[in-house]
Amino acid sequence: MTEKEKMLAGESYDCGDKELITRWHLAKKLAKQYYDTDTTDKEQLNSILDQLLGSRGENVWVSAPIYVDYGENIHLGNNIEINMN
């Protein structure tokens, strides 16, 4: 069983695992790109969310900054607004 599989199963896992660390760094990079993107550039914002999240429905708005560890375990439905604080 991989460390990621252990994590997803709710078991103890090594958070220093190469696969998990790689995804963690990618999530931080994408979150920064999201923060740095102009709020009027909806196409770019959606593209970043598609890379960051596990899935995203239609009409989704997430106010920056967004903080995640991996991101891929987050699934958003339709007509979602996540505001700050």
PDB file of N, CA and C in Angstrom:
ATOM      1  N   MET A   1       0.854  -1.175   0.000  1.00  0.00           N
ATOM      2  CA  MET A   1       0.000   0.000   0.000  1.00  0.00           C
ATOM      3  C   MET A   1       0.898   1.237   0.000  1.00  0.00           C
ATOM      4  N   THR A   2       0.601   2.187  -0.891  1.00  0.00           N
ATOM      5  CA  THR A   2       1.404   3.409  -0.949  1.00  0.00           C
ATOM      6  C   THR A   2       1.055   4.322   0.217  1.00  0.00           C
ATOM      7  N   GLU A   3       1.911   5.290   0.460  1.00  0.00           N
ATOM      8  CA  GLU A   3       1.648   6.259   1.529  1.00  0.00           C
ATOM      9  C   GLU A   3       0.380   7.056   1.226  1.00  0.00           C
ATOM     10  N   LYS A   4       0.150   7.360  -0.045  1.00  0.00           N
ATOM     11  CA  LYS A   4      -1.066   8.082  -0.431  1.00  0.00           C
ATOM     12  C   LYS A   4      -2.298   7.228  -0.148  1.00  0.00           C
ATOM     13  N   GLU A   5      -2.226   5.949  -0.473  1.00  0.00           N
ATOM     14  CA  GLU A   5      -3.350   5.050  -0.201  1.00  0.00           C
ATOM     15  C   GLU A   5      -3.618   4.953   1.297  1.00  0.00           C
ATOM     16  N   LYS A   6      -2.551   4.897   2.091  1.00  0.00           N
ATOM     17  CA  LYS A   6      -2.711   4.886   3.545  1.00  0.00           C
ATOM     18  C   LYS A   6      -3.400   6.165   4.020  1.00  0.00           C
ATOM     19  N   MET A   7      -2.954   7.308   3.490  1.00  0.00           N
ATOM     20  CA  MET A   7      -3.531   8.592   3.873  1.00  0.00           C
ATOM     21  C   MET A   7      -5.022   8.614   3.565  1.00  0.00           C
ATOM     22  N   LEU A   8      -5.371   8.199   2.347  1.00  0.00           N
ATOM     23  CA  LEU A   8      -6.770   8.221   1.928  1.00  0.00           C
ATOM     24  C   LEU A   8      -7.627   7.235   2.713  1.00  0.00           C
ATOM     25  N   ALA A   9      -7.005   6.177   3.237  1.00  0.00           N
ATOM     26  CA  ALA A   9      -7.718   5.182   4.040  1.00  0.00           C
ATOM     27  C   ALA A   9      -7.814   5.589   5.508  1.00  0.00           C
ATOM     28  N   GLY A  10      -7.220   6.736   5.855  1.00  0.00           N
ATOM     29  CA  GLY A  10      -7.265   7.208   7.231  1.00  0.00           C
ATOM     30  C   GLY A  10      -6.269   6.513   8.141  1.00  0.00           C
ATOM     31  N   GLU A  11      -5.284   5.848   7.552  1.00  0.00           N
ATOM     32  CA  GLU A  11      -4.253   5.167   8.328  1.00  0.00           C
ATOM     33  C   GLU A  11      -3.052   6.090   8.527  1.00  0.00           C
ATOM     34  N   SER A  12      -2.168   5.686   9.416  1.00  0.00           N
ATOM     35  CA  SER A  12      -0.922   6.429   9.595  1.00  0.00           C
ATOM     36  C   SER A  12      -0.103   6.325   8.317  1.00  0.00           C
ATOM     37  N   TYR A  13       0.533   7.425   7.940  1.00  0.00           N
ATOM     38  CA  TYR A  13       1.317   7.450   6.706  1.00  0.00           C
ATOM     39  C   TYR A  13       2.496   8.392   6.871  1.00  0.00           C
ATOM     40  N   ASP A  14       3.452   8.268   5.981  1.00  0.00           N
ATOM     41  CA  ASP A  14       4.652   9.107   5.980  1.00  0.00           C
ATOM     42  C   ASP A  14       4.401  10.324   5.097  1.00  0.00           C
ATOM     43  N   CYS A  15       4.205  11.492   5.724  1.00  0.00           N
ATOM     44  CA  CYS A  15       3.923  12.708   4.952  1.00  0.00           C
ATOM     45  C   CYS A  15       5.155  13.195   4.191  1.00  0.00           C
ATOM     46  N   GLY A  16       6.309  12.588   4.451  1.00  0.00           N
ATOM     47  CA  GLY A  16       7.523  12.929   3.723  1.00  0.00           C
ATOM     48  C   GLY A  16       7.725  12.083   2.475  1.00  0.00           C
ATOM     49  N   ASP A  17       6.731  11.267   2.138  1.00  0.00           N
ATOM     50  CA  ASP A  17       6.785  10.425   0.944  1.00  0.00           C
ATOM     51  C   ASP A  17       6.956  11.291  -0.301  1.00  0.00           C
ATOM     52  N   LYS A  18       7.795  10.832  -1.231  1.00  0.00           N
ATOM     53  CA  LYS A  18       8.116  11.628  -2.424  1.00  0.00           C
ATOM     54  C   LYS A  18       6.868  12.015  -3.218  1.00  0.00           C
ATOM     55  N   GLU A  19       5.947  11.078  -3.426  1.00  0.00           N
ATOM     56  CA  GLU A  19       4.723  11.376  -4.183  1.00  0.00           C
ATOM     57  C   GLU A  19       3.895  12.455  -3.486  1.00  0.00           C
ATOM     58  N   LEU A  20       3.756  12.341  -2.176  1.00  0.00           N
ATOM     59  CA  LEU A  20       2.963  13.321  -1.429  1.00  0.00           C
ATOM     60  C   LEU A  20       3.647  14.686  -1.396  1.00  0.00           C
ATOM     61  N   ILE A  21       4.955  14.699  -1.203  1.00  0.00           N
ATOM     62  CA  ILE A  21       5.693  15.970  -1.184  1.00  0.00           C
ATOM     63  C   ILE A  21       5.612  16.659  -2.537  1.00  0.00           C
ATOM     64  N   THR A  22       5.715  15.886  -3.618  1.00  0.00           N
ATOM     65  CA  THR A  22       5.624  16.457  -4.965  1.00  0.00           C
ATOM     66  C   THR A  22       4.269  17.114  -5.170  1.00  0.00           C
ATOM     67  N   ARG A  23       3.191  16.437  -4.777  1.00  0.00           N
ATOM     68  CA  ARG A  23       1.844  16.999  -4.928  1.00  0.00           C
ATOM     69  C   ARG A  23       1.672  18.215  -4.016  1.00  0.00           C
ATOM     70  N   TRP A  24       2.236  18.167  -2.812  1.00  0.00           N
ATOM     71  CA  TRP A  24       2.136  19.279  -1.877  1.00  0.00           C
ATOM     72  C   TRP A  24       2.768  20.530  -2.480  1.00  0.00           C
ATOM     73  N   HIS A  25       3.961  20.380  -3.060  1.00  0.00           N
ATOM     74  CA  HIS A  25       4.634  21.525  -3.680  1.00  0.00           C
ATOM     75  C   HIS A  25       3.849  22.041  -4.885  1.00  0.00           C
ATOM     76  N   LEU A  26       3.290  21.140  -5.687  1.00  0.00           N
ATOM     77  CA  LEU A  26       2.477  21.562  -6.826  1.00  0.00           C
ATOM     78  C   LEU A  26       1.251  22.336  -6.351  1.00  0.00           C
ATOM     79  N   ALA A  27       0.602  21.861  -5.301  1.00  0.00           N
ATOM     80  CA  ALA A  27      -0.578  22.550  -4.772  1.00  0.00           C
ATOM     81  C   ALA A  27      -0.220  23.956  -4.296  1.00  0.00           C
ATOM     82  N   LYS A  28       0.914  24.106  -3.639  1.00  0.00           N
ATOM     83  CA  LYS A  28       1.346  25.436  -3.172  1.00  0.00           C
ATOM     84  C   LYS A  28       1.632  26.357  -4.359  1.00  0.00           C
ATOM     85  N   LYS A  29       2.260  25.803  -5.400  1.00  0.00           N
ATOM     86  CA  LYS A  29       2.561  26.586  -6.603  1.00  0.00           C
ATOM     87  C   LYS A  29       1.269  27.045  -7.281  1.00  0.00           C
ATOM     88  N   LEU A  30       0.305  26.141  -7.422  1.00  0.00           N
ATOM     89  CA  LEU A  30      -0.965  26.488  -8.063  1.00  0.00           C
ATOM     90  C   LEU A  30      -1.751  27.496  -7.229  1.00  0.00           C
ATOM     91  N   ALA A  31      -1.729  27.349  -5.909  1.00  0.00           N
ATOM     92  CA  ALA A  31      -2.423  28.302  -5.039  1.00  0.00           C
ATOM     93  C   ALA A  31      -1.823  29.699  -5.189  1.00  0.00           C
ATOM     94  N   LYS A  32      -0.507  29.775  -5.307  1.00  0.00           N
ATOM     95  CA  LYS A  32       0.146  31.082  -5.519  1.00  0.00           C
ATOM     96  C   LYS A  32      -0.224  31.653  -6.875  1.00  0.00           C
ATOM     97  N   GLN A  33      -0.248  30.814  -7.914  1.00  0.00           N
ATOM     98  CA  GLN A  33      -0.657  31.278  -9.243  1.00  0.00           C
ATOM     99  C   GLN A  33      -2.090  31.802  -9.198  1.00  0.00           C
ATOM    100  N   TYR A  34      -2.951  31.109  -8.472  1.00  0.00           N
ATOM    101  CA  TYR A  34      -4.341  31.541  -8.342  1.00  0.00           C
ATOM    102  C   TYR A  34      -4.395  32.921  -7.683  1.00  0.00           C
ATOM    103  N   TYR A  35      -3.631  33.088  -6.615  1.00  0.00           N
ATOM    104  CA  TYR A  35      -3.580  34.361  -5.899  1.00  0.00           C
ATOM    105  C   TYR A  35      -3.069  35.484  -6.797  1.00  0.00           C
ATOM    106  N   ASP A  36      -2.090  35.182  -7.638  1.00  0.00           N
ATOM    107  CA  ASP A  36      -1.460  36.189  -8.492  1.00  0.00           C
ATOM    108  C   ASP A  36      -2.253  36.506  -9.755  1.00  0.00           C
ATOM    109  N   THR A  37      -3.271  35.723 -10.060  1.00  0.00           N
ATOM    110  CA  THR A  37      -4.050  35.922 -11.283  1.00  0.00           C
ATOM    111  C   THR A  37      -5.098  37.009 -11.075  1.00  0.00           C
ATOM    112  N   ASP A  38      -5.238  37.880 -12.057  1.00  0.00           N
ATOM    113  CA  ASP A  38      -6.239  38.947 -12.012  1.00  0.00           C
ATOM    114  C   ASP A  38      -7.628  38.337 -11.842  1.00  0.00           C
ATOM    115  N   THR A  39      -8.412  38.903 -10.954  1.00  0.00           N
ATOM    116  CA  THR A  39      -9.741  38.351 -10.667  1.00  0.00           C
ATOM    117  C   THR A  39     -10.694  38.428 -11.855  1.00  0.00           C
ATOM    118  N   THR A  40     -10.369  39.232 -12.858  1.00  0.00           N
ATOM    119  CA  THR A  40     -11.226  39.298 -14.048  1.00  0.00           C
ATOM    120  C   THR A  40     -10.865  38.231 -15.080  1.00  0.00           C
ATOM    121  N   ASP A  41      -9.766  37.523 -14.883  1.00  0.00           N
ATOM    122  CA  ASP A  41      -9.327  36.485 -15.822  1.00  0.00           C
ATOM    123  C   ASP A  41      -9.920  35.134 -15.416  1.00  0.00           C
ATOM    124  N   LYS A  42     -11.229  35.027 -15.594  1.00  0.00           N
ATOM    125  CA  LYS A  42     -11.960  33.843 -15.146  1.00  0.00           C
ATOM    126  C   LYS A  42     -11.464  32.568 -15.827  1.00  0.00           C
ATOM    127  N   GLU A  43     -11.077  32.666 -17.094  1.00  0.00           N
ATOM    128  CA  GLU A  43     -10.582  31.484 -17.806  1.00  0.00           C
ATOM    129  C   GLU A  43      -9.317  30.933 -17.142  1.00  0.00           C
ATOM    130  N   GLN A  44      -8.391  31.812 -16.805  1.00  0.00           N
ATOM    131  CA  GLN A  44      -7.154  31.384 -16.144  1.00  0.00           C
ATOM    132  C   GLN A  44      -7.434  30.872 -14.738  1.00  0.00           C
ATOM    133  N   LEU A  45      -8.299  31.551 -14.006  1.00  0.00           N
ATOM    134  CA  LEU A  45      -8.642  31.103 -12.656  1.00  0.00           C
ATOM    135  C   LEU A  45      -9.247  29.702 -12.684  1.00  0.00           C
ATOM    136  N   ASN A  46     -10.169  29.471 -13.630  1.00  0.00           N
ATOM    137  CA  ASN A  46     -10.788  28.148 -13.746  1.00  0.00           C
ATOM    138  C   ASN A  46      -9.771  27.086 -14.141  1.00  0.00           C
ATOM    139  N   SER A  47      -8.845  27.442 -15.012  1.00  0.00           N
ATOM    140  CA  SER A  47      -7.798  26.508 -15.420  1.00  0.00           C
ATOM    141  C   SER A  47      -6.943  26.086 -14.222  1.00  0.00           C
ATOM    142  N   ILE A  48      -6.605  27.040 -13.387  1.00  0.00           N
ATOM    143  CA  ILE A  48      -5.806  26.733 -12.196  1.00  0.00           C
ATOM    144  C   ILE A  48      -6.606  25.852 -11.241  1.00  0.00           C
ATOM    145  N   LEU A  49      -7.878  26.182 -11.024  1.00  0.00           N
ATOM    146  CA  LEU A  49      -8.708  25.353 -10.145  1.00  0.00           C
ATOM    147  C   LEU A  49      -8.828  23.932 -10.673  1.00  0.00           C
ATOM    148  N   ASP A  50      -8.944  23.793 -11.992  1.00  0.00           N
ATOM    149  CA  ASP A  50      -9.042  22.455 -12.589  1.00  0.00           C
ATOM    150  C   ASP A  50      -7.789  21.626 -12.325  1.00  0.00           C
ATOM    151  N   GLN A  51      -6.639  22.271 -12.253  1.00  0.00           N
ATOM    152  CA  GLN A  51      -5.388  21.572 -11.958  1.00  0.00           C
ATOM    153  C   GLN A  51      -5.227  21.309 -10.460  1.00  0.00           C
ATOM    154  N   LEU A  52      -5.770  22.212  -9.659  1.00  0.00           N
ATOM    155  CA  LEU A  52      -5.579  22.146  -8.217  1.00  0.00           C
ATOM    156  C   LEU A  52      -6.554  21.194  -7.533  1.00  0.00           C
ATOM    157  N   LEU A  53      -7.808  21.247  -7.933  1.00  0.00           N
ATOM    158  CA  LEU A  53      -8.858  20.489  -7.250  1.00  0.00           C
ATOM    159  C   LEU A  53      -9.089  19.126  -7.884  1.00  0.00           C
ATOM    160  N   GLY A  54      -9.729  18.247  -7.121  1.00  0.00           N
ATOM    161  CA  GLY A  54     -10.110  16.946  -7.657  1.00  0.00           C
ATOM    162  C   GLY A  54     -11.176  17.070  -8.718  1.00  0.00           C
ATOM    163  N   SER A  55     -12.140  17.962  -8.492  1.00  0.00           N
ATOM    164  CA  SER A  55     -13.168  18.252  -9.495  1.00  0.00           C
ATOM    165  C   SER A  55     -13.830  19.579  -9.154  1.00  0.00           C
ATOM    166  N   ARG A  56     -14.433  20.163 -10.189  1.00  0.00           N
ATOM    167  CA  ARG A  56     -15.071  21.472 -10.034  1.00  0.00           C
ATOM    168  C   ARG A  56     -16.306  21.496 -10.919  1.00  0.00           C
ATOM    169  N   GLY A  57     -17.433  21.906 -10.340  1.00  0.00           N
ATOM    170  CA  GLY A  57     -18.655  22.038 -11.118  1.00  0.00           C
ATOM    171  C   GLY A  57     -18.685  23.358 -11.877  1.00  0.00           C
ATOM    172  N   GLU A  58     -19.862  23.706 -12.337  1.00  0.00           N
ATOM    173  CA  GLU A  58     -20.070  24.961 -13.057  1.00  0.00           C
ATOM    174  C   GLU A  58     -20.348  26.086 -12.067  1.00  0.00           C
ATOM    175  N   ASN A  59     -19.980  27.292 -12.470  1.00  0.00           N
ATOM    176  CA  ASN A  59     -20.273  28.489 -11.684  1.00  0.00           C
ATOM    177  C   ASN A  59     -19.651  28.408 -10.283  1.00  0.00           C
ATOM    178  N   VAL A  60     -18.333  28.226 -10.262  1.00  0.00           N
ATOM    179  CA  VAL A  60     -17.583  28.134  -9.006  1.00  0.00           C
ATOM    180  C   VAL A  60     -16.708  29.370  -8.860  1.00  0.00           C
ATOM    181  N   TRP A  61     -16.751  29.984  -7.689  1.00  0.00           N
ATOM    182  CA  TRP A  61     -15.893  31.127  -7.393  1.00  0.00           C
ATOM    183  C   TRP A  61     -15.212  30.888  -6.053  1.00  0.00           C
ATOM    184  N   VAL A  62     -13.894  30.974  -6.048  1.00  0.00           N
ATOM    185  CA  VAL A  62     -13.108  30.847  -4.828  1.00  0.00           C
ATOM    186  C   VAL A  62     -12.303  32.128  -4.677  1.00  0.00           C
ATOM    187  N   SER A  63     -12.543  32.855  -3.588  1.00  0.00           N
ATOM    188  CA  SER A  63     -11.774  34.075  -3.336  1.00  0.00           C
ATOM    189  C   SER A  63     -10.374  33.707  -2.868  1.00  0.00           C
ATOM    190  N   ALA A  64      -9.391  34.387  -3.426  1.00  0.00           N
ATOM    191  CA  ALA A  64      -8.000  34.165  -3.019  1.00  0.00           C
ATOM    192  C   ALA A  64      -7.736  34.925  -1.723  1.00  0.00           C
ATOM    193  N   PRO A  65      -6.842  34.453  -0.898  1.00  0.00           N
ATOM    194  CA  PRO A  65      -5.994  33.289  -1.111  1.00  0.00           C
ATOM    195  C   PRO A  65      -6.722  31.990  -0.779  1.00  0.00           C
ATOM    196  N   ILE A  66      -6.255  30.916  -1.396  1.00  0.00           N
ATOM    197  CA  ILE A  66      -6.775  29.582  -1.117  1.00  0.00           C
ATOM    198  C   ILE A  66      -5.632  28.773  -0.512  1.00  0.00           C
ATOM    199  N   TYR A  67      -5.916  28.059   0.558  1.00  0.00           N
ATOM    200  CA  TYR A  67      -4.901  27.257   1.239  1.00  0.00           C
ATOM    201  C   TYR A  67      -5.301  25.789   1.193  1.00  0.00           C
ATOM    202  N   VAL A  68      -4.435  24.960   0.652  1.00  0.00           N
ATOM    203  CA  VAL A  68      -4.677  23.518   0.592  1.00  0.00           C
ATOM    204  C   VAL A  68      -3.359  22.791   0.853  1.00  0.00           C
ATOM    205  N   ASP A  69      -3.463  21.534   1.268  1.00  0.00           N
ATOM    206  CA  ASP A  69      -2.266  20.700   1.359  1.00  0.00           C
ATOM    207  C   ASP A  69      -2.001  20.020   0.024  1.00  0.00           C
ATOM    208  N   TYR A  70      -3.014  19.341  -0.500  1.00  0.00           N
ATOM    209  CA  TYR A  70      -2.853  18.626  -1.762  1.00  0.00           C
ATOM    210  C   TYR A  70      -3.837  19.121  -2.819  1.00  0.00           C
ATOM    211  N   GLY A  71      -5.025  19.513  -2.408  1.00  0.00           N
ATOM    212  CA  GLY A  71      -6.014  20.056  -3.329  1.00  0.00           C
ATOM    213  C   GLY A  71      -6.820  19.018  -4.068  1.00  0.00           C
ATOM    214  N   GLU A  72      -6.178  17.942  -4.487  1.00  0.00           N
ATOM    215  CA  GLU A  72      -6.852  16.951  -5.325  1.00  0.00           C
ATOM    216  C   GLU A  72      -7.942  16.185  -4.579  1.00  0.00           C
ATOM    217  N   ASN A  73      -7.999  16.312  -3.265  1.00  0.00           N
ATOM    218  CA  ASN A  73      -9.040  15.650  -2.482  1.00  0.00           C
ATOM    219  C   ASN A  73     -10.263  16.543  -2.285  1.00  0.00           C
ATOM    220  N   ILE A  74     -10.255  17.723  -2.882  1.00  0.00           N
ATOM    221  CA  ILE A  74     -11.365  18.674  -2.763  1.00  0.00           C
ATOM    222  C   ILE A  74     -12.215  18.596  -4.020  1.00  0.00           C
ATOM    223  N   HIS A  75     -13.513  18.406  -3.832  1.00  0.00           N
ATOM    224  CA  HIS A  75     -14.457  18.304  -4.943  1.00  0.00           C
ATOM    225  C   HIS A  75     -15.581  19.308  -4.695  1.00  0.00           C
ATOM    226  N   LEU A  76     -15.773  20.227  -5.641  1.00  0.00           N
ATOM    227  CA  LEU A  76     -16.796  21.264  -5.515  1.00  0.00           C
ATOM    228  C   LEU A  76     -17.895  21.023  -6.539  1.00  0.00           C
ATOM    229  N   GLY A  77     -19.136  21.205  -6.118  1.00  0.00           N
ATOM    230  CA  GLY A  77     -20.271  21.044  -7.022  1.00  0.00           C
ATOM    231  C   GLY A  77     -20.548  22.320  -7.797  1.00  0.00           C
ATOM    232  N   ASN A  78     -21.779  22.465  -8.247  1.00  0.00           N
ATOM    233  CA  ASN A  78     -22.206  23.635  -9.019  1.00  0.00           C
ATOM    234  C   ASN A  78     -22.625  24.775  -8.093  1.00  0.00           C
ATOM    235  N   ASN A  79     -22.499  25.992  -8.614  1.00  0.00           N
ATOM    236  CA  ASN A  79     -22.989  27.194  -7.931  1.00  0.00           C
ATOM    237  C   ASN A  79     -22.410  27.340  -6.524  1.00  0.00           C
ATOM    238  N   ILE A  80     -21.085  27.325  -6.460  1.00  0.00           N
ATOM    239  CA  ILE A  80     -20.364  27.409  -5.188  1.00  0.00           C
ATOM    240  C   ILE A  80     -19.599  28.726  -5.124  1.00  0.00           C
ATOM    241  N   GLU A  81     -19.694  29.396  -3.991  1.00  0.00           N
ATOM    242  CA  GLU A  81     -18.832  30.552  -3.729  1.00  0.00           C
ATOM    243  C   GLU A  81     -18.144  30.323  -2.397  1.00  0.00           C
ATOM    244  N   ILE A  82     -16.823  30.356  -2.425  1.00  0.00           N
ATOM    245  CA  ILE A  82     -16.036  30.258  -1.203  1.00  0.00           C
ATOM    246  C   ILE A  82     -15.360  31.607  -1.030  1.00  0.00           C
ATOM    247  N   ASN A  83     -15.803  32.332  -0.019  1.00  0.00           N
ATOM    248  CA  ASN A  83     -15.293  33.668   0.227  1.00  0.00           C
ATOM    249  C   ASN A  83     -14.136  33.597   1.210  1.00  0.00           C
ATOM    250  N   MET A  84     -13.508  34.716   1.465  1.00  0.00           N
ATOM    251  CA  MET A  84     -12.373  34.732   2.381  1.00  0.00           C
ATOM    252  C   MET A  84     -12.846  34.779   3.826  1.00  0.00           C
ATOM    253  N   ASN A  85     -11.936  34.340   4.705  1.00  0.00           N
ATOM    254  CA  ASN A  85     -12.177  34.337   6.153  1.00  0.00           C
ATOM    255  C   ASN A  85     -13.455  33.624   6.501  1.00  0.00           C
TER     256      ASN A  85
END
